[in-house]
Protein backbone atom coordinates (compact mmCIF):
# COMPACT_ATOMS: atom_id res chain seq x y z
CA MET A 1 138.08 93.98 125.89
CA SER A 2 136.69 91.61 128.53
CA ALA A 3 133.77 89.27 127.93
CA TRP A 4 131.58 91.25 130.39
CA ARG A 5 132.14 94.51 128.53
CA GLN A 6 131.40 92.85 125.19
CA ALA A 7 128.18 91.36 126.59
CA ALA A 8 127.16 94.74 128.03
CA LEU A 9 127.92 96.50 124.70
CA ILE A 10 125.86 93.93 122.76
CA LEU A 11 122.99 94.31 125.27
CA VAL A 12 123.03 98.11 124.98
CA CYS A 13 123.05 97.95 121.16
CA ALA A 14 120.14 95.50 121.21
CA LEU A 15 118.14 97.73 123.57
CA VAL A 16 118.76 100.81 121.41
CA ALA A 17 117.76 98.97 118.23
CA GLY A 18 114.66 97.49 119.91
CA GLY A 19 113.61 100.86 121.31
CA ALA A 20 114.06 102.57 117.96
CA SER A 21 112.06 99.84 116.25
CA ALA A 22 109.27 100.14 118.84
CA VAL A 23 109.01 103.88 118.22
CA PHE A 24 109.65 104.27 114.49
CA HIS A 25 108.64 100.99 112.79
CA PRO A 26 105.64 101.49 110.46
CA LEU A 27 104.01 98.19 111.51
CA ARG A 28 104.56 98.56 115.26
CA PRO A 29 101.70 97.52 117.56
CA PRO A 30 99.70 100.31 119.17
CA TRP A 31 100.85 101.55 122.57
CA TYR A 32 97.28 102.00 123.70
CA GLU A 33 94.17 99.85 123.66
CA VAL A 34 92.30 100.08 120.38
CA GLU A 35 88.61 99.24 120.17
CA ASP A 36 87.79 96.50 117.74
CA PRO A 37 86.27 98.19 114.64
CA ALA A 38 83.86 95.29 114.19
CA LEU A 39 82.36 96.06 117.63
CA ALA A 40 82.67 99.84 117.37
CA ARG A 41 80.27 99.97 114.44
CA TRP A 42 77.47 98.80 116.75
CA ARG A 43 77.92 101.67 119.23
CA LEU A 44 75.79 104.76 118.61
CA PRO A 45 75.77 108.08 120.49
CA VAL A 46 72.48 109.60 121.66
CA SER A 47 72.28 111.90 118.62
CA LYS A 48 72.55 108.99 116.13
CA VAL A 49 69.99 106.95 118.07
CA ARG A 50 67.64 109.91 117.99
CA GLU A 51 68.02 110.04 114.17
CA LEU A 52 67.47 106.28 113.97
CA ALA A 53 64.34 106.47 116.11
CA ALA A 54 62.99 109.29 113.93
CA THR A 55 63.22 107.17 110.78
CA ALA A 56 61.91 103.83 112.08
CA PRO A 57 60.36 102.36 115.20
CA VAL A 58 63.05 101.06 117.55
CA VAL A 59 62.93 98.12 119.96
CA TRP A 60 64.46 99.23 123.27
CA ILE A 61 66.24 96.67 125.45
CA ASP A 62 67.21 97.55 129.02
CA ALA A 63 70.23 95.47 130.10
CA ARG A 64 70.27 96.63 133.72
CA PRO A 65 69.28 94.57 136.76
CA ARG A 66 65.56 94.26 137.51
CA ALA A 67 65.70 96.70 140.46
CA ALA A 68 67.19 99.44 138.26
CA TYR A 69 64.65 98.73 135.52
CA GLU A 70 61.76 98.97 137.97
CA ALA A 71 63.15 102.26 139.33
CA GLY A 72 62.92 103.81 135.84
CA HIS A 73 63.38 102.98 132.16
CA LEU A 74 62.51 104.18 128.67
CA PRO A 75 58.86 103.75 127.67
CA ASP A 76 58.18 100.35 126.07
CA ALA A 77 61.70 99.09 126.88
CA LEU A 78 62.05 95.35 127.41
CA LEU A 79 64.03 94.13 130.38
CA LEU A 80 66.63 91.65 129.15
CA ASN A 81 69.71 91.19 131.32
CA THR A 82 72.33 88.49 131.65
CA GLU A 83 71.28 87.49 135.17
CA GLU A 84 67.76 86.43 134.08
CA TRP A 85 68.53 85.73 130.43
CA ALA A 86 66.58 82.48 129.97
CA ASP A 87 63.46 83.58 131.85
CA LEU A 88 63.34 86.97 130.17
CA MET A 89 63.92 85.50 126.70
CA PHE A 90 60.89 83.28 127.22
CA GLU A 91 58.85 86.18 128.63
CA HIS A 92 59.65 88.52 125.70
CA GLN A 93 59.59 85.87 122.97
CA THR A 94 56.80 87.51 120.95
CA ALA A 95 58.30 91.00 121.19
CA LEU A 96 61.72 89.71 120.13
CA GLN A 97 60.23 87.96 117.12
CA ALA A 98 58.70 91.28 116.05
CA ALA A 99 62.15 92.86 116.50
CA PHE A 100 63.42 91.04 113.41
CA GLU A 101 61.75 93.76 111.36
CA ARG A 102 63.11 96.73 113.36
CA PRO A 103 66.41 98.08 114.69
CA VAL A 104 67.20 97.19 118.30
CA VAL A 105 68.97 99.52 120.77
CA VAL A 106 70.34 98.10 124.01
CA TYR A 107 71.17 100.42 126.89
CA CYS A 108 72.31 100.39 130.50
CA ASP A 109 73.56 103.06 132.91
CA GLY A 110 76.34 104.71 130.91
CA GLU A 111 79.45 104.29 128.78
CA SER A 112 81.30 102.33 131.45
CA CYS A 113 78.49 99.76 131.58
CA GLU A 114 79.41 96.65 129.62
CA ARG A 115 76.09 94.86 130.21
CA SER A 116 74.53 96.41 127.12
CA ALA A 117 77.39 95.29 124.88
CA GLU A 118 77.11 91.73 126.20
CA VAL A 119 73.33 91.59 125.74
CA ALA A 120 73.62 93.10 122.24
CA GLN A 121 76.23 90.53 121.26
CA ARG A 122 74.02 87.70 122.56
CA LEU A 123 71.06 89.02 120.57
CA ARG A 124 73.14 89.16 117.39
CA GLU A 125 74.87 85.80 117.80
CA LEU A 126 72.28 83.63 119.56
CA ILE A 127 69.02 85.06 118.25
CA GLY A 128 70.16 86.42 114.89
CA LEU A 129 68.78 89.94 115.31
CA ASP A 130 70.32 92.53 113.02
CA PRO A 131 70.95 95.40 113.57
CA VAL A 132 71.43 95.50 117.36
CA TYR A 133 73.05 98.73 118.53
CA VAL A 134 74.44 99.79 121.91
CA LEU A 135 73.54 103.24 123.19
CA GLU A 136 76.71 105.17 124.08
CA GLY A 137 76.07 107.31 127.09
CA ASP A 138 73.32 107.38 129.66
CA TRP A 139 69.80 106.40 128.67
CA ARG A 140 68.47 109.32 130.73
CA GLU A 141 69.95 111.69 128.09
CA PHE A 142 67.70 110.11 125.49
CA ALA A 143 64.71 109.98 127.82
CA ALA A 144 65.04 113.69 128.62
CA GLU A 145 65.07 114.62 124.92
CA LYS A 146 62.32 112.21 123.89
């Protein structure tokens, strides 16, 4: 058997073994993106937020740009976005201090909007608020049912 055939046979055997391992190994990595469970626990659907709001007063944070906030938002929602973070933190200082005693829900325009997750993470890590949830879905769903 020539050296080329031996190399090709070894390569084929390695590919078959690697493919079988990728499919059947019990500790294989996932083939799809998995959401981090530590972050997933902070996401709540509209129904769970409604239950939360029924049991305790909630502090609403709108993470959208100022123009979208001014076009419409939930009643008593505070505007707090990443673009104006420092100015808005100073402006809402008193309200955020009162939020230490209540759950906080951050929202933006829908599930594909990552602004709310970023603002919620900043509130947890930089300010120390707990709990700070992210509304899954569109805030208009909650506003329509409120």
